[in-house]
Amino acid sequence: MNIYDKAHELAAALKDSKEVTEITAAMKLVDADPESKQMLDNFRTRQAEVQQRMMSGDMPAQEEMEQMEKLFEVLSLNLNIRRLFDAEQKLSVIIQDVNKIITDSLQHLYGGEA
């Protein structure tokens, strides 16, 4: 068994999954509405900036984090953006579950049970 072949099989399964199909459909709806697309693009840009700063050790102020949370809530009022966020969350859960399955399978290497 070639691990890389299995990884490519998993990648293809994810690409063909219901969750990715839902993200694609939701993204098309957002893209069809210029105002929604602009709002989402602005949010994603700010989100990436905050995450980049956090990774470099520059923790944002509580006020800035609250602003991001409020912006997320406002965006979620847009049904198409909410649909996209919900679909992305479902895919994120799958990726986390797959990561846990892989990690758990290697616990015996570090003294854990597997």
PDB file of N, CA and C in Angstrom:
ATOM      1  N   MET A   1       0.850  -1.185   0.000  1.00  0.00           N
ATOM      2  CA  MET A   1       0.000   0.000   0.000  1.00  0.00           C
ATOM      3  C   MET A   1       0.893   1.246   0.000  1.00  0.00           C
ATOM      4  N   ASN A   2       0.598   2.152  -0.909  1.00  0.00           N
ATOM      5  CA  ASN A   2       1.339   3.401  -0.999  1.00  0.00           C
ATOM      6  C   ASN A   2       0.531   4.492  -0.291  1.00  0.00           C
ATOM      7  N   ILE A   3       1.112   5.069   0.740  1.00  0.00           N
ATOM      8  CA  ILE A   3       0.422   6.087   1.545  1.00  0.00           C
ATOM      9  C   ILE A   3       0.022   7.291   0.685  1.00  0.00           C
ATOM     10  N   TYR A   4       0.885   7.669  -0.246  1.00  0.00           N
ATOM     11  CA  TYR A   4       0.574   8.833  -1.086  1.00  0.00           C
ATOM     12  C   TYR A   4      -0.614   8.554  -1.997  1.00  0.00           C
ATOM     13  N   ASP A   5      -0.714   7.324  -2.495  1.00  0.00           N
ATOM     14  CA  ASP A   5      -1.881   6.961  -3.306  1.00  0.00           C
ATOM     15  C   ASP A   5      -3.159   7.074  -2.476  1.00  0.00           C
ATOM     16  N   LYS A   6      -3.096   6.610  -1.228  1.00  0.00           N
ATOM     17  CA  LYS A   6      -4.267   6.692  -0.342  1.00  0.00           C
ATOM     18  C   LYS A   6      -4.612   8.161  -0.054  1.00  0.00           C
ATOM     19  N   ALA A   7      -3.586   8.987   0.117  1.00  0.00           N
ATOM     20  CA  ALA A   7      -3.824  10.413   0.358  1.00  0.00           C
ATOM     21  C   ALA A   7      -4.511  11.048  -0.854  1.00  0.00           C
ATOM     22  N   HIS A   8      -4.091  10.659  -2.047  1.00  0.00           N
ATOM     23  CA  HIS A   8      -4.728  11.183  -3.263  1.00  0.00           C
ATOM     24  C   HIS A   8      -6.161  10.678  -3.386  1.00  0.00           C
ATOM     25  N   GLU A   9      -6.404   9.432  -2.972  1.00  0.00           N
ATOM     26  CA  GLU A   9      -7.774   8.903  -2.969  1.00  0.00           C
ATOM     27  C   GLU A   9      -8.645   9.708  -2.008  1.00  0.00           C
ATOM     28  N   LEU A  10      -8.103   9.994  -0.834  1.00  0.00           N
ATOM     29  CA  LEU A  10      -8.841  10.787   0.145  1.00  0.00           C
ATOM     30  C   LEU A  10      -9.110  12.187  -0.400  1.00  0.00           C
ATOM     31  N   ALA A  11      -8.116  12.788  -1.030  1.00  0.00           N
ATOM     32  CA  ALA A  11      -8.292  14.118  -1.617  1.00  0.00           C
ATOM     33  C   ALA A  11      -9.395  14.104  -2.677  1.00  0.00           C
ATOM     34  N   ALA A  12      -9.408  13.067  -3.504  1.00  0.00           N
ATOM     35  CA  ALA A  12     -10.448  12.960  -4.537  1.00  0.00           C
ATOM     36  C   ALA A  12     -11.823  12.769  -3.900  1.00  0.00           C
ATOM     37  N   ALA A  13     -11.886  11.966  -2.825  1.00  0.00           N
ATOM     38  CA  ALA A  13     -13.160  11.754  -2.136  1.00  0.00           C
ATOM     39  C   ALA A  13     -13.664  13.060  -1.521  1.00  0.00           C
ATOM     40  N   LEU A  14     -12.764  13.825  -0.942  1.00  0.00           N
ATOM     41  CA  LEU A  14     -13.163  15.121  -0.389  1.00  0.00           C
ATOM     42  C   LEU A  14     -13.655  16.050  -1.488  1.00  0.00           C
ATOM     43  N   LYS A  15     -12.917  16.079  -2.583  1.00  0.00           N
ATOM     44  CA  LYS A  15     -13.279  16.962  -3.699  1.00  0.00           C
ATOM     45  C   LYS A  15     -14.665  16.634  -4.247  1.00  0.00           C
ATOM     46  N   ASP A  16     -15.012  15.341  -4.233  1.00  0.00           N
ATOM     47  CA  ASP A  16     -16.309  14.898  -4.756  1.00  0.00           C
ATOM     48  C   ASP A  16     -17.395  14.827  -3.681  1.00  0.00           C
ATOM     49  N   SER A  17     -17.083  15.256  -2.475  1.00  0.00           N
ATOM     50  CA  SER A  17     -18.023  15.118  -1.363  1.00  0.00           C
ATOM     51  C   SER A  17     -19.181  16.102  -1.463  1.00  0.00           C
ATOM     52  N   LYS A  18     -20.241  15.750  -0.762  1.00  0.00           N
ATOM     53  CA  LYS A  18     -21.419  16.608  -0.668  1.00  0.00           C
ATOM     54  C   LYS A  18     -21.038  17.964  -0.074  1.00  0.00           C
ATOM     55  N   GLU A  19     -20.133  17.954   0.897  1.00  0.00           N
ATOM     56  CA  GLU A  19     -19.742  19.184   1.574  1.00  0.00           C
ATOM     57  C   GLU A  19     -19.045  20.156   0.624  1.00  0.00           C
ATOM     58  N   VAL A  20     -18.149  19.648  -0.203  1.00  0.00           N
ATOM     59  CA  VAL A  20     -17.464  20.517  -1.171  1.00  0.00           C
ATOM     60  C   VAL A  20     -18.453  21.009  -2.226  1.00  0.00           C
ATOM     61  N   THR A  21     -19.371  20.155  -2.620  1.00  0.00           N
ATOM     62  CA  THR A  21     -20.412  20.566  -3.570  1.00  0.00           C
ATOM     63  C   THR A  21     -21.243  21.702  -2.988  1.00  0.00           C
ATOM     64  N   GLU A  22     -21.564  21.604  -1.696  1.00  0.00           N
ATOM     65  CA  GLU A  22     -22.335  22.658  -1.033  1.00  0.00           C
ATOM     66  C   GLU A  22     -21.551  23.970  -0.975  1.00  0.00           C
ATOM     67  N   ILE A  23     -20.259  23.889  -0.688  1.00  0.00           N
ATOM     68  CA  ILE A  23     -19.429  25.094  -0.656  1.00  0.00           C
ATOM     69  C   ILE A  23     -19.401  25.742  -2.042  1.00  0.00           C
ATOM     70  N   THR A  24     -19.214  24.935  -3.064  1.00  0.00           N
ATOM     71  CA  THR A  24     -19.162  25.449  -4.436  1.00  0.00           C
ATOM     72  C   THR A  24     -20.466  26.146  -4.807  1.00  0.00           C
ATOM     73  N   ALA A  25     -21.588  25.520  -4.476  1.00  0.00           N
ATOM     74  CA  ALA A  25     -22.893  26.113  -4.791  1.00  0.00           C
ATOM     75  C   ALA A  25     -23.106  27.411  -4.020  1.00  0.00           C
ATOM     76  N   ALA A  26     -22.742  27.413  -2.748  1.00  0.00           N
ATOM     77  CA  ALA A  26     -22.908  28.618  -1.940  1.00  0.00           C
ATOM     78  C   ALA A  26     -22.006  29.738  -2.442  1.00  0.00           C
ATOM     79  N   MET A  27     -20.797  29.385  -2.829  1.00  0.00           N
ATOM     80  CA  MET A  27     -19.855  30.402  -3.329  1.00  0.00           C
ATOM     81  C   MET A  27     -20.383  31.032  -4.620  1.00  0.00           C
ATOM     82  N   LYS A  28     -21.010  30.234  -5.470  1.00  0.00           N
ATOM     83  CA  LYS A  28     -21.592  30.785  -6.704  1.00  0.00           C
ATOM     84  C   LYS A  28     -22.686  31.800  -6.389  1.00  0.00           C
ATOM     85  N   LEU A  29     -23.495  31.507  -5.371  1.00  0.00           N
ATOM     86  CA  LEU A  29     -24.549  32.449  -4.982  1.00  0.00           C
ATOM     87  C   LEU A  29     -23.959  33.748  -4.443  1.00  0.00           C
ATOM     88  N   VAL A  30     -22.919  33.632  -3.638  1.00  0.00           N
ATOM     89  CA  VAL A  30     -22.262  34.829  -3.102  1.00  0.00           C
ATOM     90  C   VAL A  30     -21.626  35.626  -4.239  1.00  0.00           C
ATOM     91  N   ASP A  31     -20.937  34.928  -5.130  1.00  0.00           N
ATOM     92  CA  ASP A  31     -20.269  35.605  -6.248  1.00  0.00           C
ATOM     93  C   ASP A  31     -21.254  36.319  -7.167  1.00  0.00           C
ATOM     94  N   ALA A  32     -22.487  35.821  -7.226  1.00  0.00           N
ATOM     95  CA  ALA A  32     -23.499  36.418  -8.102  1.00  0.00           C
ATOM     96  C   ALA A  32     -24.028  37.741  -7.554  1.00  0.00           C
ATOM     97  N   ASP A  33     -23.762  38.024  -6.293  1.00  0.00           N
ATOM     98  CA  ASP A  33     -24.208  39.262  -5.664  1.00  0.00           C
ATOM     99  C   ASP A  33     -22.983  40.097  -5.312  1.00  0.00           C
ATOM    100  N   PRO A  34     -22.682  41.120  -6.112  1.00  0.00           N
ATOM    101  CA  PRO A  34     -21.455  41.907  -5.896  1.00  0.00           C
ATOM    102  C   PRO A  34     -21.315  42.465  -4.478  1.00  0.00           C
ATOM    103  N   GLU A  35     -22.403  42.887  -3.868  1.00  0.00           N
ATOM    104  CA  GLU A  35     -22.326  43.440  -2.512  1.00  0.00           C
ATOM    105  C   GLU A  35     -21.925  42.348  -1.509  1.00  0.00           C
ATOM    106  N   SER A  36     -22.549  41.190  -1.632  1.00  0.00           N
ATOM    107  CA  SER A  36     -22.206  40.073  -0.738  1.00  0.00           C
ATOM    108  C   SER A  36     -20.761  39.650  -0.940  1.00  0.00           C
ATOM    109  N   LYS A  37     -20.351  39.575  -2.192  1.00  0.00           N
ATOM    110  CA  LYS A  37     -18.982  39.163  -2.488  1.00  0.00           C
ATOM    111  C   LYS A  37     -17.983  40.149  -1.894  1.00  0.00           C
ATOM    112  N   GLN A  38     -18.253  41.436  -2.027  1.00  0.00           N
ATOM    113  CA  GLN A  38     -17.352  42.456  -1.488  1.00  0.00           C
ATOM    114  C   GLN A  38     -17.281  42.376   0.037  1.00  0.00           C
ATOM    115  N   MET A  39     -18.433  42.192   0.675  1.00  0.00           N
ATOM    116  CA  MET A  39     -18.453  42.073   2.133  1.00  0.00           C
ATOM    117  C   MET A  39     -17.650  40.852   2.587  1.00  0.00           C
ATOM    118  N   LEU A  40     -17.848  39.744   1.910  1.00  0.00           N
ATOM    119  CA  LEU A  40     -17.134  38.519   2.268  1.00  0.00           C
ATOM    120  C   LEU A  40     -15.637  38.671   2.013  1.00  0.00           C
ATOM    121  N   ASP A  41     -15.281  39.244   0.885  1.00  0.00           N
ATOM    122  CA  ASP A  41     -13.862  39.453   0.571  1.00  0.00           C
ATOM    123  C   ASP A  41     -13.187  40.339   1.619  1.00  0.00           C
ATOM    124  N   ASN A  42     -13.872  41.406   2.018  1.00  0.00           N
ATOM    125  CA  ASN A  42     -13.316  42.289   3.044  1.00  0.00           C
ATOM    126  C   ASN A  42     -13.131  41.554   4.371  1.00  0.00           C
ATOM    127  N   PHE A  43     -14.120  40.745   4.725  1.00  0.00           N
ATOM    128  CA  PHE A  43     -14.031  39.975   5.967  1.00  0.00           C
ATOM    129  C   PHE A  43     -12.870  38.987   5.899  1.00  0.00           C
ATOM    130  N   ARG A  44     -12.753  38.272   4.793  1.00  0.00           N
ATOM    131  CA  ARG A  44     -11.680  37.272   4.660  1.00  0.00           C
ATOM    132  C   ARG A  44     -10.301  37.944   4.717  1.00  0.00           C
ATOM    133  N   THR A  45     -10.191  39.122   4.116  1.00  0.00           N
ATOM    134  CA  THR A  45      -8.918  39.847   4.159  1.00  0.00           C
ATOM    135  C   THR A  45      -8.566  40.224   5.596  1.00  0.00           C
ATOM    136  N   ARG A  46      -9.524  40.783   6.307  1.00  0.00           N
ATOM    137  CA  ARG A  46      -9.284  41.151   7.712  1.00  0.00           C
ATOM    138  C   ARG A  46      -8.975  39.929   8.559  1.00  0.00           C
ATOM    139  N   GLN A  47      -9.709  38.844   8.304  1.00  0.00           N
ATOM    140  CA  GLN A  47      -9.509  37.601   9.049  1.00  0.00           C
ATOM    141  C   GLN A  47      -8.089  37.072   8.822  1.00  0.00           C
ATOM    142  N   ALA A  48      -7.637  37.088   7.585  1.00  0.00           N
ATOM    143  CA  ALA A  48      -6.288  36.610   7.259  1.00  0.00           C
ATOM    144  C   ALA A  48      -5.229  37.489   7.924  1.00  0.00           C
ATOM    145  N   GLU A  49      -5.463  38.788   7.941  1.00  0.00           N
ATOM    146  CA  GLU A  49      -4.512  39.711   8.581  1.00  0.00           C
ATOM    147  C   GLU A  49      -4.405  39.421  10.082  1.00  0.00           C
ATOM    148  N   VAL A  50      -5.544  39.214  10.721  1.00  0.00           N
ATOM    149  CA  VAL A  50      -5.545  38.923  12.154  1.00  0.00           C
ATOM    150  C   VAL A  50      -4.847  37.597  12.430  1.00  0.00           C
ATOM    151  N   GLN A  51      -5.144  36.587  11.625  1.00  0.00           N
ATOM    152  CA  GLN A  51      -4.522  35.276  11.820  1.00  0.00           C
ATOM    153  C   GLN A  51      -3.012  35.350  11.600  1.00  0.00           C
ATOM    154  N   GLN A  52      -2.592  36.100  10.605  1.00  0.00           N
ATOM    155  CA  GLN A  52      -1.164  36.246  10.330  1.00  0.00           C
ATOM    156  C   GLN A  52      -0.462  36.933  11.504  1.00  0.00           C
ATOM    157  N   ARG A  53      -1.088  37.967  12.019  1.00  0.00           N
ATOM    158  CA  ARG A  53      -0.508  38.657  13.177  1.00  0.00           C
ATOM    159  C   ARG A  53      -0.425  37.724  14.380  1.00  0.00           C
ATOM    160  N   MET A  54      -1.469  36.935  14.590  1.00  0.00           N
ATOM    161  CA  MET A  54      -1.479  36.012  15.721  1.00  0.00           C
ATOM    162  C   MET A  54      -0.373  34.971  15.592  1.00  0.00           C
ATOM    163  N   MET A  55      -0.142  34.495  14.379  1.00  0.00           N
ATOM    164  CA  MET A  55       0.901  33.493  14.163  1.00  0.00           C
ATOM    165  C   MET A  55       2.285  34.080  14.396  1.00  0.00           C
ATOM    166  N   SER A  56       2.414  35.375  14.220  1.00  0.00           N
ATOM    167  CA  SER A  56       3.709  36.012  14.459  1.00  0.00           C
ATOM    168  C   SER A  56       3.845  36.493  15.910  1.00  0.00           C
ATOM    169  N   GLY A  57       2.863  36.159  16.739  1.00  0.00           N
ATOM    170  CA  GLY A  57       2.941  36.486  18.154  1.00  0.00           C
ATOM    171  C   GLY A  57       2.313  37.805  18.537  1.00  0.00           C
ATOM    172  N   ASP A  58       1.745  38.525  17.588  1.00  0.00           N
ATOM    173  CA  ASP A  58       1.115  39.821  17.847  1.00  0.00           C
ATOM    174  C   ASP A  58      -0.380  39.594  18.090  1.00  0.00           C
ATOM    175  N   MET A  59      -0.742  39.426  19.336  1.00  0.00           N
ATOM    176  CA  MET A  59      -2.141  39.153  19.660  1.00  0.00           C
ATOM    177  C   MET A  59      -2.975  40.420  19.508  1.00  0.00           C
ATOM    178  N   PRO A  60      -4.085  40.322  18.765  1.00  0.00           N
ATOM    179  CA  PRO A  60      -4.937  41.493  18.587  1.00  0.00           C
ATOM    180  C   PRO A  60      -5.619  41.876  19.899  1.00  0.00           C
ATOM    181  N   ALA A  61      -5.977  43.136  19.990  1.00  0.00           N
ATOM    182  CA  ALA A  61      -6.676  43.630  21.177  1.00  0.00           C
ATOM    183  C   ALA A  61      -8.055  42.981  21.257  1.00  0.00           C
ATOM    184  N   GLN A  62      -8.566  42.888  22.469  1.00  0.00           N
ATOM    185  CA  GLN A  62      -9.894  42.310  22.696  1.00  0.00           C
ATOM    186  C   GLN A  62     -10.945  43.033  21.859  1.00  0.00           C
ATOM    187  N   GLU A  63     -10.805  44.342  21.758  1.00  0.00           N
ATOM    188  CA  GLU A  63     -11.752  45.141  20.979  1.00  0.00           C
ATOM    189  C   GLU A  63     -11.760  44.712  19.510  1.00  0.00           C
ATOM    190  N   GLU A  64     -10.593  44.472  18.955  1.00  0.00           N
ATOM    191  CA  GLU A  64     -10.501  44.053  17.562  1.00  0.00           C
ATOM    192  C   GLU A  64     -11.143  42.676  17.364  1.00  0.00           C
ATOM    193  N   MET A  65     -10.932  41.783  18.314  1.00  0.00           N
ATOM    194  CA  MET A  65     -11.533  40.449  18.219  1.00  0.00           C
ATOM    195  C   MET A  65     -13.059  40.547  18.306  1.00  0.00           C
ATOM    196  N   GLU A  66     -13.542  41.431  19.153  1.00  0.00           N
ATOM    197  CA  GLU A  66     -14.989  41.638  19.267  1.00  0.00           C
ATOM    198  C   GLU A  66     -15.558  42.216  17.977  1.00  0.00           C
ATOM    199  N   GLN A  67     -14.810  43.122  17.352  1.00  0.00           N
ATOM    200  CA  GLN A  67     -15.246  43.691  16.070  1.00  0.00           C
ATOM    201  C   GLN A  67     -15.349  42.601  15.008  1.00  0.00           C
ATOM    202  N   MET A  68     -14.368  41.705  14.989  1.00  0.00           N
ATOM    203  CA  MET A  68     -14.394  40.610  14.013  1.00  0.00           C
ATOM    204  C   MET A  68     -15.596  39.694  14.257  1.00  0.00           C
ATOM    205  N   GLU A  69     -15.873  39.437  15.521  1.00  0.00           N
ATOM    206  CA  GLU A  69     -17.009  38.595  15.879  1.00  0.00           C
ATOM    207  C   GLU A  69     -18.322  39.246  15.440  1.00  0.00           C
ATOM    208  N   LYS A  70     -18.435  40.549  15.671  1.00  0.00           N
ATOM    209  CA  LYS A  70     -19.642  41.268  15.265  1.00  0.00           C
ATOM    210  C   LYS A  70     -19.773  41.283  13.748  1.00  0.00           C
ATOM    211  N   LEU A  71     -18.673  41.470  13.058  1.00  0.00           N
ATOM    212  CA  LEU A  71     -18.697  41.456  11.600  1.00  0.00           C
ATOM    213  C   LEU A  71     -19.143  40.087  11.092  1.00  0.00           C
ATOM    214  N   PHE A  72     -18.646  39.022  11.725  1.00  0.00           N
ATOM    215  CA  PHE A  72     -19.064  37.672  11.361  1.00  0.00           C
ATOM    216  C   PHE A  72     -20.577  37.510  11.557  1.00  0.00           C
ATOM    217  N   GLU A  73     -21.087  38.015  12.659  1.00  0.00           N
ATOM    218  CA  GLU A  73     -22.524  37.926  12.937  1.00  0.00           C
ATOM    219  C   GLU A  73     -23.340  38.691  11.891  1.00  0.00           C
ATOM    220  N   VAL A  74     -22.857  39.874  11.520  1.00  0.00           N
ATOM    221  CA  VAL A  74     -23.558  40.671  10.507  1.00  0.00           C
ATOM    222  C   VAL A  74     -23.546  39.937   9.168  1.00  0.00           C
ATOM    223  N   LEU A  75     -22.386  39.390   8.794  1.00  0.00           N
ATOM    224  CA  LEU A  75     -22.302  38.652   7.533  1.00  0.00           C
ATOM    225  C   LEU A  75     -23.223  37.440   7.545  1.00  0.00           C
ATOM    226  N   SER A  76     -23.356  36.810   8.700  1.00  0.00           N
ATOM    227  CA  SER A  76     -24.194  35.616   8.812  1.00  0.00           C
ATOM    228  C   SER A  76     -25.677  35.915   8.618  1.00  0.00           C
ATOM    229  N   LEU A  77     -26.053  37.185   8.696  1.00  0.00           N
ATOM    230  CA  LEU A  77     -27.438  37.557   8.421  1.00  0.00           C
ATOM    231  C   LEU A  77     -27.757  37.450   6.930  1.00  0.00           C
ATOM    232  N   ASN A  78     -26.722  37.522   6.101  1.00  0.00           N
ATOM    233  CA  ASN A  78     -26.881  37.330   4.660  1.00  0.00           C
ATOM    234  C   ASN A  78     -27.024  35.819   4.424  1.00  0.00           C
ATOM    235  N   LEU A  79     -28.165  35.404   3.893  1.00  0.00           N
ATOM    236  CA  LEU A  79     -28.463  33.970   3.782  1.00  0.00           C
ATOM    237  C   LEU A  79     -27.453  33.208   2.928  1.00  0.00           C
ATOM    238  N   ASN A  80     -26.986  33.821   1.862  1.00  0.00           N
ATOM    239  CA  ASN A  80     -26.014  33.135   1.008  1.00  0.00           C
ATOM    240  C   ASN A  80     -24.656  32.986   1.703  1.00  0.00           C
ATOM    241  N   ILE A  81     -24.232  34.020   2.407  1.00  0.00           N
ATOM    242  CA  ILE A  81     -22.972  33.943   3.137  1.00  0.00           C
ATOM    243  C   ILE A  81     -23.105  32.948   4.287  1.00  0.00           C
ATOM    244  N   ARG A  82     -24.250  32.955   4.959  1.00  0.00           N
ATOM    245  CA  ARG A  82     -24.480  31.999   6.046  1.00  0.00           C
ATOM    246  C   ARG A  82     -24.422  30.574   5.513  1.00  0.00           C
ATOM    247  N   ARG A  83     -25.026  30.367   4.372  1.00  0.00           N
ATOM    248  CA  ARG A  83     -24.985  29.033   3.757  1.00  0.00           C
ATOM    249  C   ARG A  83     -23.532  28.626   3.488  1.00  0.00           C
ATOM    250  N   LEU A  84     -22.734  29.551   3.006  1.00  0.00           N
ATOM    251  CA  LEU A  84     -21.321  29.277   2.751  1.00  0.00           C
ATOM    252  C   LEU A  84     -20.592  28.965   4.056  1.00  0.00           C
ATOM    253  N   PHE A  85     -20.795  29.785   5.075  1.00  0.00           N
ATOM    254  CA  PHE A  85     -20.148  29.547   6.368  1.00  0.00           C
ATOM    255  C   PHE A  85     -20.534  28.178   6.937  1.00  0.00           C
ATOM    256  N   ASP A  86     -21.816  27.835   6.830  1.00  0.00           N
ATOM    257  CA  ASP A  86     -22.287  26.538   7.341  1.00  0.00           C
ATOM    258  C   ASP A  86     -21.642  25.386   6.577  1.00  0.00           C
ATOM    259  N   ALA A  87     -21.558  25.517   5.264  1.00  0.00           N
ATOM    260  CA  ALA A  87     -20.946  24.467   4.446  1.00  0.00           C
ATOM    261  C   ALA A  87     -19.456  24.335   4.766  1.00  0.00           C
ATOM    262  N   GLU A  88     -18.783  25.465   4.940  1.00  0.00           N
ATOM    263  CA  GLU A  88     -17.360  25.428   5.287  1.00  0.00           C
ATOM    264  C   GLU A  88     -17.148  24.773   6.647  1.00  0.00           C
ATOM    265  N   GLN A  89     -18.054  25.040   7.579  1.00  0.00           N
ATOM    266  CA  GLN A  89     -17.947  24.442   8.911  1.00  0.00           C
ATOM    267  C   GLN A  89     -18.085  22.922   8.833  1.00  0.00           C
ATOM    268  N   LYS A  90     -19.010  22.447   8.011  1.00  0.00           N
ATOM    269  CA  LYS A  90     -19.197  20.994   7.855  1.00  0.00           C
ATOM    270  C   LYS A  90     -17.937  20.345   7.290  1.00  0.00           C
ATOM    271  N   LEU A  91     -17.325  20.973   6.302  1.00  0.00           N
ATOM    272  CA  LEU A  91     -16.092  20.426   5.733  1.00  0.00           C
ATOM    273  C   LEU A  91     -14.968  20.472   6.765  1.00  0.00           C
ATOM    274  N   SER A  92     -14.915  21.527   7.541  1.00  0.00           N
ATOM    275  CA  SER A  92     -13.895  21.651   8.577  1.00  0.00           C
ATOM    276  C   SER A  92     -13.999  20.516   9.597  1.00  0.00           C
ATOM    277  N   VAL A  93     -15.225  20.145   9.959  1.00  0.00           N
ATOM    278  CA  VAL A  93     -15.428  19.042  10.906  1.00  0.00           C
ATOM    279  C   VAL A  93     -14.897  17.742  10.314  1.00  0.00           C
ATOM    280  N   ILE A  94     -15.163  17.513   9.047  1.00  0.00           N
ATOM    281  CA  ILE A  94     -14.669  16.294   8.391  1.00  0.00           C
ATOM    282  C   ILE A  94     -13.142  16.268   8.406  1.00  0.00           C
ATOM    283  N   ILE A  95     -12.532  17.386   8.057  1.00  0.00           N
ATOM    284  CA  ILE A  95     -11.067  17.444   8.030  1.00  0.00           C
ATOM    285  C   ILE A  95     -10.505  17.213   9.432  1.00  0.00           C
ATOM    286  N   GLN A  96     -11.117  17.797  10.442  1.00  0.00           N
ATOM    287  CA  GLN A  96     -10.672  17.574  11.818  1.00  0.00           C
ATOM    288  C   GLN A  96     -10.827  16.101  12.212  1.00  0.00           C
ATOM    289  N   ASP A  97     -11.947  15.499  11.826  1.00  0.00           N
ATOM    290  CA  ASP A  97     -12.174  14.083  12.139  1.00  0.00           C
ATOM    291  C   ASP A  97     -11.133  13.194  11.473  1.00  0.00           C
ATOM    292  N   VAL A  98     -10.838  13.466  10.204  1.00  0.00           N
ATOM    293  CA  VAL A  98      -9.828  12.684   9.484  1.00  0.00           C
ATOM    294  C   VAL A  98      -8.465  12.862  10.148  1.00  0.00           C
ATOM    295  N   ASN A  99      -8.142  14.078  10.512  1.00  0.00           N
ATOM    296  CA  ASN A  99      -6.873  14.337  11.195  1.00  0.00           C
ATOM    297  C   ASN A  99      -6.796  13.560  12.504  1.00  0.00           C
ATOM    298  N   LYS A 100      -7.896  13.522  13.251  1.00  0.00           N
ATOM    299  CA  LYS A 100      -7.929  12.789  14.516  1.00  0.00           C
ATOM    300  C   LYS A 100      -7.749  11.294  14.276  1.00  0.00           C
ATOM    301  N   ILE A 101      -8.397  10.755  13.262  1.00  0.00           N
ATOM    302  CA  ILE A 101      -8.257   9.332  12.935  1.00  0.00           C
ATOM    303  C   ILE A 101      -6.795   9.004  12.651  1.00  0.00           C
ATOM    304  N   ILE A 102      -6.153   9.836  11.855  1.00  0.00           N
ATOM    305  CA  ILE A 102      -4.741   9.602  11.512  1.00  0.00           C
ATOM    306  C   ILE A 102      -3.864   9.731  12.755  1.00  0.00           C
ATOM    307  N   THR A 103      -4.072  10.782  13.513  1.00  0.00           N
ATOM    308  CA  THR A 103      -3.268  11.005  14.714  1.00  0.00           C
ATOM    309  C   THR A 103      -3.464   9.877  15.728  1.00  0.00           C
ATOM    310  N   ASP A 104      -4.709   9.485  15.928  1.00  0.00           N
ATOM    311  CA  ASP A 104      -4.985   8.404  16.885  1.00  0.00           C
ATOM    312  C   ASP A 104      -4.324   7.094  16.465  1.00  0.00           C
ATOM    313  N   SER A 105      -4.218   6.866  15.165  1.00  0.00           N
ATOM    314  CA  SER A 105      -3.622   5.615  14.685  1.00  0.00           C
ATOM    315  C   SER A 105      -2.115   5.544  14.993  1.00  0.00           C
ATOM    316  N   LEU A 106      -1.518   6.684  15.327  1.00  0.00           N
ATOM    317  CA  LEU A 106      -0.072   6.733  15.595  1.00  0.00           C
ATOM    318  C   LEU A 106       0.250   6.897  17.078  1.00  0.00           C
ATOM    319  N   GLN A 107      -0.752   6.902  17.923  1.00  0.00           N
ATOM    320  CA  GLN A 107      -0.536   7.114  19.350  1.00  0.00           C
ATOM    321  C   GLN A 107       0.426   6.076  19.955  1.00  0.00           C
ATOM    322  N   HIS A 108       0.392   4.848  19.442  1.00  0.00           N
ATOM    323  CA  HIS A 108       1.262   3.810  19.991  1.00  0.00           C
ATOM    324  C   HIS A 108       2.744   4.153  19.863  1.00  0.00           C
ATOM    325  N   LEU A 109       3.082   5.019  18.922  1.00  0.00           N
ATOM    326  CA  LEU A 109       4.477   5.421  18.739  1.00  0.00           C
ATOM    327  C   LEU A 109       4.982   6.262  19.909  1.00  0.00           C
ATOM    328  N   TYR A 110       4.059   6.901  20.587  1.00  0.00           N
ATOM    329  CA  TYR A 110       4.432   7.819  21.659  1.00  0.00           C
ATOM    330  C   TYR A 110       3.937   7.354  23.022  1.00  0.00           C
ATOM    331  N   GLY A 111       3.703   6.073  23.142  1.00  0.00           N
ATOM    332  CA  GLY A 111       3.325   5.512  24.432  1.00  0.00           C
ATOM    333  C   GLY A 111       1.848   5.478  24.708  1.00  0.00           C
ATOM    334  N   GLY A 112       1.055   5.910  23.758  1.00  0.00           N
ATOM    335  CA  GLY A 112      -0.386   5.850  23.939  1.00  0.00           C
ATOM    336  C   GLY A 112      -0.940   4.539  23.427  1.00  0.00           C
ATOM    337  N   GLU A 113      -2.246   4.376  23.521  1.00  0.00           N
ATOM    338  CA  GLU A 113      -2.879   3.162  23.026  1.00  0.00           C
ATOM    339  C   GLU A 113      -3.363   3.396  21.596  1.00  0.00           C
ATOM    340  N   ALA A 114      -3.282   2.334  20.800  1.00  0.00           N
ATOM    341  CA  ALA A 114      -3.805   2.417  19.431  1.00  0.00           C
ATOM    342  C   ALA A 114      -4.103   1.037  18.922  1.00  0.00           C
TER     343      ALA A 114
END
